[in-house]
Amino acid sequence: MITEKCNACAEKGLSPIWNEKFEFRVDSPLANDDQYKLVLEIMDHNSFCADDYLGKATIYVKELIELGVEKGKAELHPQKYRVVSTNKTYHGEIQVGITFTVAKEETIEQEEYGGQKDSDY
């Protein structure tokens, strides 16, 4: 969930700019369903009462991940996505860019242990 954390706001929070970066872990292999999507829930932060739910934006990332797995990195340049409220009405847009990179496998150093070999007496 993303909450309003403005770096620069115009008109008292009506045009927030987040400029935030998030990192997510993605497991593969990819399945043949639509589970590879990023859902952003947009909230309006209120200081003295409950936050207001503004809506959500869904970004399908299956093809981005497939390309990234194949090439090591893939990018979805910033573009606008519709924010839709609970009753399916349009509630604005959010601009999002995504970079997918394949994590490098961490190698665990194994120690060799010396020992005395049993000998036949």
PDB file of N, CA and C in Angstrom:
ATOM      1  N   MET A   1       0.847  -1.166   0.000  1.00  0.00           N
ATOM      2  CA  MET A   1       0.000   0.000   0.000  1.00  0.00           C
ATOM      3  C   MET A   1       0.894   1.231   0.000  1.00  0.00           C
ATOM      4  N   ILE A   2       0.515   2.217  -0.762  1.00  0.00           N
ATOM      5  CA  ILE A   2       1.245   3.482  -0.802  1.00  0.00           C
ATOM      6  C   ILE A   2       0.391   4.524  -0.114  1.00  0.00           C
ATOM      7  N   THR A   3       0.975   5.234   0.811  1.00  0.00           N
ATOM      8  CA  THR A   3       0.265   6.337   1.443  1.00  0.00           C
ATOM      9  C   THR A   3       0.889   7.628   0.946  1.00  0.00           C
ATOM     10  N   GLU A   4       0.136   8.688   1.017  1.00  0.00           N
ATOM     11  CA  GLU A   4       0.607   9.970   0.499  1.00  0.00           C
ATOM     12  C   GLU A   4       1.812  10.434   1.295  1.00  0.00           C
ATOM     13  N   LYS A   5       2.922  10.574   0.630  1.00  0.00           N
ATOM     14  CA  LYS A   5       4.145  11.070   1.240  1.00  0.00           C
ATOM     15  C   LYS A   5       4.734  12.046   0.241  1.00  0.00           C
ATOM     16  N   CYS A   6       4.270  13.260   0.279  1.00  0.00           N
ATOM     17  CA  CYS A   6       4.587  14.233  -0.766  1.00  0.00           C
ATOM     18  C   CYS A   6       5.967  14.839  -0.594  1.00  0.00           C
ATOM     19  N   ASN A   7       6.678  14.943  -1.700  1.00  0.00           N
ATOM     20  CA  ASN A   7       7.908  15.721  -1.745  1.00  0.00           C
ATOM     21  C   ASN A   7       7.596  17.141  -2.181  1.00  0.00           C
ATOM     22  N   ALA A   8       6.574  17.276  -3.000  1.00  0.00           N
ATOM     23  CA  ALA A   8       6.129  18.593  -3.452  1.00  0.00           C
ATOM     24  C   ALA A   8       4.649  18.472  -3.769  1.00  0.00           C
ATOM     25  N   CYS A   9       3.827  19.238  -3.120  1.00  0.00           N
ATOM     26  CA  CYS A   9       2.385  19.166  -3.362  1.00  0.00           C
ATOM     27  C   CYS A   9       1.858  20.526  -3.809  1.00  0.00           C
ATOM     28  N   ALA A  10       0.948  20.470  -4.744  1.00  0.00           N
ATOM     29  CA  ALA A  10       0.288  21.693  -5.202  1.00  0.00           C
ATOM     30  C   ALA A  10      -1.162  21.629  -4.768  1.00  0.00           C
ATOM     31  N   GLU A  11      -1.774  22.724  -4.538  1.00  0.00           N
ATOM     32  CA  GLU A  11      -3.185  22.820  -4.182  1.00  0.00           C
ATOM     33  C   GLU A  11      -3.540  21.966  -2.967  1.00  0.00           C
ATOM     34  N   LYS A  12      -2.768  22.075  -1.922  1.00  0.00           N
ATOM     35  CA  LYS A  12      -3.019  21.392  -0.652  1.00  0.00           C
ATOM     36  C   LYS A  12      -3.193  19.882  -0.805  1.00  0.00           C
ATOM     37  N   GLY A  13      -2.280  19.233  -1.537  1.00  0.00           N
ATOM     38  CA  GLY A  13      -2.288  17.779  -1.632  1.00  0.00           C
ATOM     39  C   GLY A  13      -3.114  17.209  -2.761  1.00  0.00           C
ATOM     40  N   LEU A  14      -3.656  18.035  -3.641  1.00  0.00           N
ATOM     41  CA  LEU A  14      -4.467  17.518  -4.731  1.00  0.00           C
ATOM     42  C   LEU A  14      -3.613  16.975  -5.876  1.00  0.00           C
ATOM     43  N   SER A  15      -2.357  17.331  -5.938  1.00  0.00           N
ATOM     44  CA  SER A  15      -1.454  16.838  -6.972  1.00  0.00           C
ATOM     45  C   SER A  15      -0.144  16.377  -6.337  1.00  0.00           C
ATOM     46  N   PRO A  16      -0.192  15.284  -5.593  1.00  0.00           N
ATOM     47  CA  PRO A  16       1.023  14.846  -4.888  1.00  0.00           C
ATOM     48  C   PRO A  16       2.070  14.277  -5.845  1.00  0.00           C
ATOM     49  N   ILE A  17       3.322  14.421  -5.455  1.00  0.00           N
ATOM     50  CA  ILE A  17       4.439  13.822  -6.166  1.00  0.00           C
ATOM     51  C   ILE A  17       5.199  13.003  -5.132  1.00  0.00           C
ATOM     52  N   TRP A  18       5.251  11.698  -5.329  1.00  0.00           N
ATOM     53  CA  TRP A  18       5.881  10.836  -4.335  1.00  0.00           C
ATOM     54  C   TRP A  18       7.366  10.668  -4.575  1.00  0.00           C
ATOM     55  N   ASN A  19       7.771  10.371  -5.796  1.00  0.00           N
ATOM     56  CA  ASN A  19       9.178  10.097  -6.097  1.00  0.00           C
ATOM     57  C   ASN A  19       9.767   9.086  -5.130  1.00  0.00           C
ATOM     58  N   GLU A  20       9.072   8.022  -4.912  1.00  0.00           N
ATOM     59  CA  GLU A  20       9.497   6.965  -3.998  1.00  0.00           C
ATOM     60  C   GLU A  20      10.008   5.765  -4.790  1.00  0.00           C
ATOM     61  N   LYS A  21      10.907   5.005  -4.194  1.00  0.00           N
ATOM     62  CA  LYS A  21      11.392   3.775  -4.801  1.00  0.00           C
ATOM     63  C   LYS A  21      11.109   2.630  -3.840  1.00  0.00           C
ATOM     64  N   PHE A  22      10.623   1.529  -4.393  1.00  0.00           N
ATOM     65  CA  PHE A  22      10.322   0.346  -3.613  1.00  0.00           C
ATOM     66  C   PHE A  22      10.980  -0.850  -4.278  1.00  0.00           C
ATOM     67  N   GLU A  23      11.327  -1.833  -3.479  1.00  0.00           N
ATOM     68  CA  GLU A  23      11.937  -3.042  -4.013  1.00  0.00           C
ATOM     69  C   GLU A  23      11.086  -4.229  -3.589  1.00  0.00           C
ATOM     70  N   PHE A  24      10.779  -5.099  -4.558  1.00  0.00           N
ATOM     71  CA  PHE A  24       9.962  -6.275  -4.299  1.00  0.00           C
ATOM     72  C   PHE A  24      10.706  -7.515  -4.755  1.00  0.00           C
ATOM     73  N   ARG A  25      10.478  -8.608  -4.078  1.00  0.00           N
ATOM     74  CA  ARG A  25      11.032  -9.895  -4.499  1.00  0.00           C
ATOM     75  C   ARG A  25       9.973 -10.595  -5.344  1.00  0.00           C
ATOM     76  N   VAL A  26      10.401 -11.151  -6.470  1.00  0.00           N
ATOM     77  CA  VAL A  26       9.505 -11.873  -7.363  1.00  0.00           C
ATOM     78  C   VAL A  26      10.029 -13.286  -7.504  1.00  0.00           C
ATOM     79  N   ASP A  27       9.185 -14.263  -7.224  1.00  0.00           N
ATOM     80  CA  ASP A  27       9.583 -15.651  -7.388  1.00  0.00           C
ATOM     81  C   ASP A  27       9.201 -16.134  -8.777  1.00  0.00           C
ATOM     82  N   SER A  28      10.013 -16.998  -9.354  1.00  0.00           N
ATOM     83  CA  SER A  28       9.676 -17.597 -10.633  1.00  0.00           C
ATOM     84  C   SER A  28       9.838 -19.106 -10.477  1.00  0.00           C
ATOM     85  N   PRO A  29       9.416 -19.936 -11.362  1.00  0.00           N
ATOM     86  CA  PRO A  29       9.019 -19.631 -12.727  1.00  0.00           C
ATOM     87  C   PRO A  29       7.631 -19.017 -12.781  1.00  0.00           C
ATOM     88  N   LEU A  30       7.358 -18.415 -13.917  1.00  0.00           N
ATOM     89  CA  LEU A  30       6.079 -17.751 -14.104  1.00  0.00           C
ATOM     90  C   LEU A  30       4.972 -18.763 -14.348  1.00  0.00           C
ATOM     91  N   ALA A  31       3.845 -18.523 -13.747  1.00  0.00           N
ATOM     92  CA  ALA A  31       2.673 -19.367 -13.965  1.00  0.00           C
ATOM     93  C   ALA A  31       1.878 -18.806 -15.146  1.00  0.00           C
ATOM     94  N   ASN A  32       0.927 -19.567 -15.616  1.00  0.00           N
ATOM     95  CA  ASN A  32       0.103 -19.128 -16.747  1.00  0.00           C
ATOM     96  C   ASN A  32      -1.156 -18.421 -16.285  1.00  0.00           C
ATOM     97  N   ASP A  33      -1.063 -17.622 -15.280  1.00  0.00           N
ATOM     98  CA  ASP A  33      -2.231 -16.875 -14.818  1.00  0.00           C
ATOM     99  C   ASP A  33      -1.853 -15.413 -14.649  1.00  0.00           C
ATOM    100  N   ASP A  34      -2.766 -14.617 -14.124  1.00  0.00           N
ATOM    101  CA  ASP A  34      -2.518 -13.181 -14.019  1.00  0.00           C
ATOM    102  C   ASP A  34      -2.019 -12.764 -12.642  1.00  0.00           C
ATOM    103  N   GLN A  35      -1.398 -13.690 -11.911  1.00  0.00           N
ATOM    104  CA  GLN A  35      -0.947 -13.339 -10.572  1.00  0.00           C
ATOM    105  C   GLN A  35       0.236 -12.371 -10.582  1.00  0.00           C
ATOM    106  N   TYR A  36       0.868 -12.183 -11.735  1.00  0.00           N
ATOM    107  CA  TYR A  36       1.997 -11.273 -11.803  1.00  0.00           C
ATOM    108  C   TYR A  36       1.526  -9.877 -12.144  1.00  0.00           C
ATOM    109  N   LYS A  37       0.995  -9.245 -11.124  1.00  0.00           N
ATOM    110  CA  LYS A  37       0.538  -7.871 -11.269  1.00  0.00           C
ATOM    111  C   LYS A  37       0.914  -7.120 -10.000  1.00  0.00           C
ATOM    112  N   LEU A  38       1.111  -5.853 -10.164  1.00  0.00           N
ATOM    113  CA  LEU A  38       1.424  -4.969  -9.057  1.00  0.00           C
ATOM    114  C   LEU A  38       0.190  -4.117  -8.822  1.00  0.00           C
ATOM    115  N   VAL A  39      -0.373  -4.207  -7.635  1.00  0.00           N
ATOM    116  CA  VAL A  39      -1.577  -3.441  -7.307  1.00  0.00           C
ATOM    117  C   VAL A  39      -1.181  -2.345  -6.319  1.00  0.00           C
ATOM    118  N   LEU A  40      -1.382  -1.111  -6.722  1.00  0.00           N
ATOM    119  CA  LEU A  40      -1.076   0.038  -5.868  1.00  0.00           C
ATOM    120  C   LEU A  40      -2.379   0.571  -5.290  1.00  0.00           C
ATOM    121  N   GLU A  41      -2.492   0.556  -3.985  1.00  0.00           N
ATOM    122  CA  GLU A  41      -3.663   1.138  -3.325  1.00  0.00           C
ATOM    123  C   GLU A  41      -3.297   2.536  -2.872  1.00  0.00           C
ATOM    124  N   ILE A  42      -4.049   3.510  -3.352  1.00  0.00           N
ATOM    125  CA  ILE A  42      -3.738   4.910  -3.095  1.00  0.00           C
ATOM    126  C   ILE A  42      -4.620   5.430  -1.965  1.00  0.00           C
ATOM    127  N   MET A  43      -3.961   6.001  -0.953  1.00  0.00           N
ATOM    128  CA  MET A  43      -4.649   6.518   0.221  1.00  0.00           C
ATOM    129  C   MET A  43      -4.356   8.013   0.360  1.00  0.00           C
ATOM    130  N   ASP A  44      -5.319   8.740   0.889  1.00  0.00           N
ATOM    131  CA  ASP A  44      -5.132  10.151   1.231  1.00  0.00           C
ATOM    132  C   ASP A  44      -4.890  10.185   2.737  1.00  0.00           C
ATOM    133  N   HIS A  45      -3.690  10.543   3.126  1.00  0.00           N
ATOM    134  CA  HIS A  45      -3.317  10.563   4.543  1.00  0.00           C
ATOM    135  C   HIS A  45      -3.976  11.745   5.256  1.00  0.00           C
ATOM    136  N   ASN A  46      -4.636  11.450   6.366  1.00  0.00           N
ATOM    137  CA  ASN A  46      -5.239  12.482   7.208  1.00  0.00           C
ATOM    138  C   ASN A  46      -4.569  12.446   8.576  1.00  0.00           C
ATOM    139  N   SER A  47      -4.237  13.612   9.104  1.00  0.00           N
ATOM    140  CA  SER A  47      -3.544  13.673  10.389  1.00  0.00           C
ATOM    141  C   SER A  47      -4.448  13.399  11.582  1.00  0.00           C
ATOM    142  N   PHE A  48      -5.712  13.836  11.544  1.00  0.00           N
ATOM    143  CA  PHE A  48      -6.550  13.770  12.733  1.00  0.00           C
ATOM    144  C   PHE A  48      -7.710  12.792  12.627  1.00  0.00           C
ATOM    145  N   CYS A  49      -7.853  12.111  11.510  1.00  0.00           N
ATOM    146  CA  CYS A  49      -8.908  11.108  11.367  1.00  0.00           C
ATOM    147  C   CYS A  49      -8.407  10.001  10.433  1.00  0.00           C
ATOM    148  N   ALA A  50      -9.244   9.027  10.187  1.00  0.00           N
ATOM    149  CA  ALA A  50      -8.840   7.889   9.360  1.00  0.00           C
ATOM    150  C   ALA A  50      -8.475   8.332   7.943  1.00  0.00           C
ATOM    151  N   ASP A  51      -7.471   7.643   7.366  1.00  0.00           N
ATOM    152  CA  ASP A  51      -7.073   7.923   5.988  1.00  0.00           C
ATOM    153  C   ASP A  51      -8.201   7.543   5.034  1.00  0.00           C
ATOM    154  N   ASP A  52      -8.278   8.262   3.928  1.00  0.00           N
ATOM    155  CA  ASP A  52      -9.308   7.995   2.923  1.00  0.00           C
ATOM    156  C   ASP A  52      -8.730   7.141   1.806  1.00  0.00           C
ATOM    157  N   TYR A  53      -9.468   6.101   1.421  1.00  0.00           N
ATOM    158  CA  TYR A  53      -9.089   5.252   0.302  1.00  0.00           C
ATOM    159  C   TYR A  53      -9.500   5.951  -0.989  1.00  0.00           C
ATOM    160  N   LEU A  54      -8.534   6.227  -1.856  1.00  0.00           N
ATOM    161  CA  LEU A  54      -8.827   6.921  -3.106  1.00  0.00           C
ATOM    162  C   LEU A  54      -9.090   5.950  -4.254  1.00  0.00           C
ATOM    163  N   GLY A  55      -8.428   4.814  -4.221  1.00  0.00           N
ATOM    164  CA  GLY A  55      -8.608   3.829  -5.281  1.00  0.00           C
ATOM    165  C   GLY A  55      -7.356   3.009  -5.469  1.00  0.00           C
ATOM    166  N   LYS A  56      -7.353   2.219  -6.536  1.00  0.00           N
ATOM    167  CA  LYS A  56      -6.183   1.392  -6.807  1.00  0.00           C
ATOM    168  C   LYS A  56      -5.863   1.410  -8.291  1.00  0.00           C
ATOM    169  N   ALA A  57      -4.607   1.150  -8.582  1.00  0.00           N
ATOM    170  CA  ALA A  57      -4.124   1.026  -9.952  1.00  0.00           C
ATOM    171  C   ALA A  57      -3.462  -0.338 -10.072  1.00  0.00           C
ATOM    172  N   THR A  58      -3.742  -1.036 -11.166  1.00  0.00           N
ATOM    173  CA  THR A  58      -3.182  -2.368 -11.382  1.00  0.00           C
ATOM    174  C   THR A  58      -2.244  -2.327 -12.577  1.00  0.00           C
ATOM    175  N   ILE A  59      -1.031  -2.852 -12.366  1.00  0.00           N
ATOM    176  CA  ILE A  59      -0.022  -2.896 -13.421  1.00  0.00           C
ATOM    177  C   ILE A  59       0.339  -4.366 -13.635  1.00  0.00           C
ATOM    178  N   TYR A  60       0.100  -4.867 -14.838  1.00  0.00           N
ATOM    179  CA  TYR A  60       0.428  -6.253 -15.163  1.00  0.00           C
ATOM    180  C   TYR A  60       1.895  -6.332 -15.568  1.00  0.00           C
ATOM    181  N   VAL A  61       2.656  -7.200 -14.901  1.00  0.00           N
ATOM    182  CA  VAL A  61       4.109  -7.226 -15.084  1.00  0.00           C
ATOM    183  C   VAL A  61       4.646  -8.571 -15.583  1.00  0.00           C
ATOM    184  N   LYS A  62       3.785  -9.482 -15.983  1.00  0.00           N
ATOM    185  CA  LYS A  62       4.243 -10.809 -16.413  1.00  0.00           C
ATOM    186  C   LYS A  62       5.229 -10.711 -17.576  1.00  0.00           C
ATOM    187  N   GLU A  63       4.894  -9.951 -18.622  1.00  0.00           N
ATOM    188  CA  GLU A  63       5.783  -9.832 -19.784  1.00  0.00           C
ATOM    189  C   GLU A  63       7.091  -9.131 -19.418  1.00  0.00           C
ATOM    190  N   LEU A  64       7.018  -8.152 -18.522  1.00  0.00           N
ATOM    191  CA  LEU A  64       8.213  -7.463 -18.057  1.00  0.00           C
ATOM    192  C   LEU A  64       9.145  -8.446 -17.353  1.00  0.00           C
ATOM    193  N   ILE A  65       8.588  -9.305 -16.506  1.00  0.00           N
ATOM    194  CA  ILE A  65       9.396 -10.283 -15.779  1.00  0.00           C
ATOM    195  C   ILE A  65       9.975 -11.313 -16.735  1.00  0.00           C
ATOM    196  N   GLU A  66       9.179 -11.798 -17.681  1.00  0.00           N
ATOM    197  CA  GLU A  66       9.678 -12.775 -18.660  1.00  0.00           C
ATOM    198  C   GLU A  66      10.868 -12.207 -19.440  1.00  0.00           C
ATOM    199  N   LEU A  67      10.746 -10.971 -19.895  1.00  0.00           N
ATOM    200  CA  LEU A  67      11.828 -10.327 -20.628  1.00  0.00           C
ATOM    201  C   LEU A  67      13.050 -10.126 -19.734  1.00  0.00           C
ATOM    202  N   GLY A  68      12.805  -9.724 -18.487  1.00  0.00           N
ATOM    203  CA  GLY A  68      13.903  -9.522 -17.550  1.00  0.00           C
ATOM    204  C   GLY A  68      14.644 -10.804 -17.219  1.00  0.00           C
ATOM    205  N   VAL A  69      13.919 -11.907 -17.082  1.00  0.00           N
ATOM    206  CA  VAL A  69      14.552 -13.200 -16.816  1.00  0.00           C
ATOM    207  C   VAL A  69      15.406 -13.594 -18.019  1.00  0.00           C
ATOM    208  N   GLU A  70      14.899 -13.349 -19.215  1.00  0.00           N
ATOM    209  CA  GLU A  70      15.622 -13.705 -20.441  1.00  0.00           C
ATOM    210  C   GLU A  70      16.868 -12.856 -20.637  1.00  0.00           C
ATOM    211  N   LYS A  71      16.751 -11.541 -20.415  1.00  0.00           N
ATOM    212  CA  LYS A  71      17.849 -10.621 -20.726  1.00  0.00           C
ATOM    213  C   LYS A  71      18.633 -10.150 -19.505  1.00  0.00           C
ATOM    214  N   GLY A  72      18.152 -10.460 -18.303  1.00  0.00           N
ATOM    215  CA  GLY A  72      18.830 -10.015 -17.090  1.00  0.00           C
ATOM    216  C   GLY A  72      18.270  -8.722 -16.528  1.00  0.00           C
ATOM    217  N   LYS A  73      17.608  -7.935 -17.380  1.00  0.00           N
ATOM    218  CA  LYS A  73      17.028  -6.665 -16.945  1.00  0.00           C
ATOM    219  C   LYS A  73      15.969  -6.235 -17.954  1.00  0.00           C
ATOM    220  N   ALA A  74      14.892  -5.657 -17.467  1.00  0.00           N
ATOM    221  CA  ALA A  74      13.850  -5.106 -18.337  1.00  0.00           C
ATOM    222  C   ALA A  74      13.267  -3.874 -17.660  1.00  0.00           C
ATOM    223  N   GLU A  75      12.819  -2.939 -18.476  1.00  0.00           N
ATOM    224  CA  GLU A  75      12.305  -1.679 -17.931  1.00  0.00           C
ATOM    225  C   GLU A  75      10.965  -1.328 -18.553  1.00  0.00           C
ATOM    226  N   LEU A  76      10.079  -0.871 -17.710  1.00  0.00           N
ATOM    227  CA  LEU A  76       8.798  -0.327 -18.140  1.00  0.00           C
ATOM    228  C   LEU A  76       8.892   1.163 -17.854  1.00  0.00           C
ATOM    229  N   HIS A  77       9.038   1.955 -18.904  1.00  0.00           N
ATOM    230  CA  HIS A  77       9.233   3.387 -18.725  1.00  0.00           C
ATOM    231  C   HIS A  77       8.017   4.017 -18.048  1.00  0.00           C
ATOM    232  N   PRO A  78       8.209   5.128 -17.328  1.00  0.00           N
ATOM    233  CA  PRO A  78       7.090   5.755 -16.627  1.00  0.00           C
ATOM    234  C   PRO A  78       5.911   6.029 -17.557  1.00  0.00           C
ATOM    235  N   GLN A  79       4.759   5.600 -17.120  1.00  0.00           N
ATOM    236  CA  GLN A  79       3.520   5.861 -17.844  1.00  0.00           C
ATOM    237  C   GLN A  79       2.374   5.983 -16.850  1.00  0.00           C
ATOM    238  N   LYS A  80       1.274   6.502 -17.314  1.00  0.00           N
ATOM    239  CA  LYS A  80       0.132   6.749 -16.434  1.00  0.00           C
ATOM    240  C   LYS A  80      -0.782   5.535 -16.379  1.00  0.00           C
ATOM    241  N   TYR A  81      -1.274   5.266 -15.172  1.00  0.00           N
ATOM    242  CA  TYR A  81      -2.232   4.192 -14.932  1.00  0.00           C
ATOM    243  C   TYR A  81      -3.458   4.788 -14.253  1.00  0.00           C
ATOM    244  N   ARG A  82      -4.609   4.285 -14.625  1.00  0.00           N
ATOM    245  CA  ARG A  82      -5.873   4.780 -14.064  1.00  0.00           C
ATOM    246  C   ARG A  82      -6.020   4.325 -12.617  1.00  0.00           C
ATOM    247  N   VAL A  83      -6.463   5.236 -11.762  1.00  0.00           N
ATOM    248  CA  VAL A  83      -6.806   4.908 -10.382  1.00  0.00           C
ATOM    249  C   VAL A  83      -8.318   4.757 -10.342  1.00  0.00           C
ATOM    250  N   VAL A  84      -8.773   3.584  -9.911  1.00  0.00           N
ATOM    251  CA  VAL A  84     -10.193   3.258  -9.905  1.00  0.00           C
ATOM    252  C   VAL A  84     -10.640   3.034  -8.468  1.00  0.00           C
ATOM    253  N   SER A  85     -11.755   3.647  -8.085  1.00  0.00           N
ATOM    254  CA  SER A  85     -12.250   3.502  -6.720  1.00  0.00           C
ATOM    255  C   SER A  85     -13.011   2.187  -6.564  1.00  0.00           C
ATOM    256  N   THR A  86     -13.473   1.911  -5.357  1.00  0.00           N
ATOM    257  CA  THR A  86     -14.171   0.668  -5.048  1.00  0.00           C
ATOM    258  C   THR A  86     -15.395   0.459  -5.925  1.00  0.00           C
ATOM    259  N   ASN A  87     -16.101   1.532  -6.242  1.00  0.00           N
ATOM    260  CA  ASN A  87     -17.306   1.408  -7.075  1.00  0.00           C
ATOM    261  C   ASN A  87     -16.983   1.475  -8.574  1.00  0.00           C
ATOM    262  N   LYS A  88     -15.709   1.253  -8.933  1.00  0.00           N
ATOM    263  CA  LYS A  88     -15.239   1.176 -10.327  1.00  0.00           C
ATOM    264  C   LYS A  88     -15.275   2.506 -11.080  1.00  0.00           C
ATOM    265  N   THR A  89     -15.322   3.616 -10.355  1.00  0.00           N
ATOM    266  CA  THR A  89     -15.298   4.908 -11.025  1.00  0.00           C
ATOM    267  C   THR A  89     -13.862   5.427 -11.115  1.00  0.00           C
ATOM    268  N   TYR A  90     -13.587   6.153 -12.172  1.00  0.00           N
ATOM    269  CA  TYR A  90     -12.279   6.753 -12.413  1.00  0.00           C
ATOM    270  C   TYR A  90     -12.005   7.783 -11.324  1.00  0.00           C
ATOM    271  N   HIS A  91     -10.793   7.717 -10.748  1.00  0.00           N
ATOM    272  CA  HIS A  91     -10.462   8.626  -9.660  1.00  0.00           C
ATOM    273  C   HIS A  91      -9.110   9.299  -9.860  1.00  0.00           C
ATOM    274  N   GLY A  92      -8.650   9.365 -11.101  1.00  0.00           N
ATOM    275  CA  GLY A  92      -7.383  10.027 -11.379  1.00  0.00           C
ATOM    276  C   GLY A  92      -6.362   9.076 -11.975  1.00  0.00           C
ATOM    277  N   GLU A  93      -5.107   9.512 -11.981  1.00  0.00           N
ATOM    278  CA  GLU A  93      -4.024   8.730 -12.556  1.00  0.00           C
ATOM    279  C   GLU A  93      -2.815   8.757 -11.653  1.00  0.00           C
ATOM    280  N   ILE A  94      -1.989   7.731 -11.811  1.00  0.00           N
ATOM    281  CA  ILE A  94      -0.700   7.683 -11.132  1.00  0.00           C
ATOM    282  C   ILE A  94       0.334   7.293 -12.178  1.00  0.00           C
ATOM    283  N   GLN A  95       1.473   7.952 -12.158  1.00  0.00           N
ATOM    284  CA  GLN A  95       2.527   7.649 -13.126  1.00  0.00           C
ATOM    285  C   GLN A  95       3.569   6.778 -12.438  1.00  0.00           C
ATOM    286  N   VAL A  96       3.870   5.633 -13.078  1.00  0.00           N
ATOM    287  CA  VAL A  96       4.771   4.652 -12.474  1.00  0.00           C
ATOM    288  C   VAL A  96       5.727   4.116 -13.530  1.00  0.00           C
ATOM    289  N   GLY A  97       6.984   3.948 -13.157  1.00  0.00           N
ATOM    290  CA  GLY A  97       7.985   3.274 -13.983  1.00  0.00           C
ATOM    291  C   GLY A  97       8.532   2.101 -13.187  1.00  0.00           C
ATOM    292  N   ILE A  98       8.863   1.012 -13.881  1.00  0.00           N
ATOM    293  CA  ILE A  98       9.325  -0.196 -13.190  1.00  0.00           C
ATOM    294  C   ILE A  98      10.580  -0.717 -13.877  1.00  0.00           C
ATOM    295  N   THR A  99      11.563  -1.115 -13.082  1.00  0.00           N
ATOM    296  CA  THR A  99      12.755  -1.792 -13.585  1.00  0.00           C
ATOM    297  C   THR A  99      12.828  -3.150 -12.912  1.00  0.00           C
ATOM    298  N   PHE A 100      12.939  -4.188 -13.720  1.00  0.00           N
ATOM    299  CA  PHE A 100      13.079  -5.549 -13.202  1.00  0.00           C
ATOM    300  C   PHE A 100      14.494  -6.014 -13.481  1.00  0.00           C
ATOM    301  N   THR A 101      15.195  -6.452 -12.452  1.00  0.00           N
ATOM    302  CA  THR A 101      16.534  -7.011 -12.625  1.00  0.00           C
ATOM    303  C   THR A 101      16.586  -8.367 -11.946  1.00  0.00           C
ATOM    304  N   VAL A 102      17.309  -9.274 -12.566  1.00  0.00           N
ATOM    305  CA  VAL A 102      17.471 -10.607 -11.997  1.00  0.00           C
ATOM    306  C   VAL A 102      18.487 -10.506 -10.870  1.00  0.00           C
ATOM    307  N   ALA A 103      18.117 -11.035  -9.712  1.00  0.00           N
ATOM    308  CA  ALA A 103      19.016 -11.004  -8.559  1.00  0.00           C
ATOM    309  C   ALA A 103      20.181 -11.954  -8.801  1.00  0.00           C
ATOM    310  N   LYS A 104      21.347 -11.522  -8.419  1.00  0.00           N
ATOM    311  CA  LYS A 104      22.518 -12.381  -8.537  1.00  0.00           C
ATOM    312  C   LYS A 104      22.468 -13.403  -7.420  1.00  0.00           C
ATOM    313  N   GLU A 105      22.776 -14.629  -7.778  1.00  0.00           N
ATOM    314  CA  GLU A 105      22.763 -15.690  -6.786  1.00  0.00           C
ATOM    315  C   GLU A 105      23.929 -15.486  -5.839  1.00  0.00           C
ATOM    316  N   GLU A 106      23.624 -15.584  -4.572  1.00  0.00           N
ATOM    317  CA  GLU A 106      24.675 -15.463  -3.572  1.00  0.00           C
ATOM    318  C   GLU A 106      25.339 -16.819  -3.409  1.00  0.00           C
ATOM    319  N   THR A 107      26.639 -16.814  -3.466  1.00  0.00           N
ATOM    320  CA  THR A 107      27.344 -18.071  -3.264  1.00  0.00           C
ATOM    321  C   THR A 107      27.791 -18.151  -1.812  1.00  0.00           C
ATOM    322  N   ILE A 108      27.610 -19.303  -1.280  1.00  0.00           N
ATOM    323  CA  ILE A 108      28.006 -19.521   0.109  1.00  0.00           C
ATOM    324  C   ILE A 108      29.350 -20.230   0.087  1.00  0.00           C
ATOM    325  N   GLU A 109      30.308 -19.606   0.728  1.00  0.00           N
ATOM    326  CA  GLU A 109      31.627 -20.221   0.774  1.00  0.00           C
ATOM    327  C   GLU A 109      31.577 -21.423   1.684  1.00  0.00           C
ATOM    328  N   GLN A 110      32.057 -22.522   1.148  1.00  0.00           N
ATOM    329  CA  GLN A 110      32.100 -23.731   1.945  1.00  0.00           C
ATOM    330  C   GLN A 110      33.526 -23.928   2.424  1.00  0.00           C
ATOM    331  N   GLU A 111      33.642 -24.247   3.678  1.00  0.00           N
ATOM    332  CA  GLU A 111      34.962 -24.480   4.239  1.00  0.00           C
ATOM    333  C   GLU A 111      35.285 -25.960   4.140  1.00  0.00           C
ATOM    334  N   GLU A 112      36.535 -26.239   3.855  1.00  0.00           N
ATOM    335  CA  GLU A 112      36.963 -27.623   3.872  1.00  0.00           C
ATOM    336  C   GLU A 112      37.526 -27.891   5.252  1.00  0.00           C
ATOM    337  N   TYR A 113      37.107 -28.986   5.795  1.00  0.00           N
ATOM    338  CA  TYR A 113      37.572 -29.340   7.121  1.00  0.00           C
ATOM    339  C   TYR A 113      38.574 -30.474   6.989  1.00  0.00           C
ATOM    340  N   GLY A 114      39.696 -30.321   7.640  1.00  0.00           N
ATOM    341  CA  GLY A 114      40.694 -31.386   7.653  1.00  0.00           C
ATOM    342  C   GLY A 114      40.336 -32.395   8.726  1.00  0.00           C
ATOM    343  N   GLY A 115      40.876 -33.529   8.621  1.00  0.00           N
ATOM    344  CA  GLY A 115      40.590 -34.545   9.629  1.00  0.00           C
ATOM    345  C   GLY A 115      41.561 -35.687   9.499  1.00  0.00           C
ATOM    346  N   GLN A 116      41.549 -36.476  10.498  1.00  0.00           N
ATOM    347  CA  GLN A 116      42.451 -37.608  10.489  1.00  0.00           C
ATOM    348  C   GLN A 116      41.741 -38.783   9.844  1.00  0.00           C
ATOM    349  N   LYS A 117      42.417 -39.399   8.912  1.00  0.00           N
ATOM    350  CA  LYS A 117      41.841 -40.533   8.231  1.00  0.00           C
ATOM    351  C   LYS A 117      42.128 -41.773   9.066  1.00  0.00           C
ATOM    352  N   ASP A 118      41.103 -42.545   9.273  1.00  0.00           N
ATOM    353  CA  ASP A 118      41.283 -43.776  10.040  1.00  0.00           C
ATOM    354  C   ASP A 118      42.217 -44.709   9.276  1.00  0.00           C
ATOM    355  N   SER A 119      43.167 -45.235   9.971  1.00  0.00           N
ATOM    356  CA  SER A 119      44.085 -46.176   9.319  1.00  0.00           C
ATOM    357  C   SER A 119      43.896 -47.563   9.907  1.00  0.00           C
ATOM    358  N   ASP A 120      44.204 -48.531   9.124  1.00  0.00           N
ATOM    359  CA  ASP A 120      44.122 -49.917   9.597  1.00  0.00           C
ATOM    360  C   ASP A 120      45.375 -50.251  10.350  1.00  0.00           C
ATOM    361  N   TYR A 121      45.271 -50.727  11.551  1.00  0.00           N
ATOM    362  CA  TYR A 121      46.430 -51.108  12.349  1.00  0.00           C
ATOM    363  C   TYR A 121      46.728 -52.542  12.153  1.00  0.00           C
TER     364      TYR A 121
END
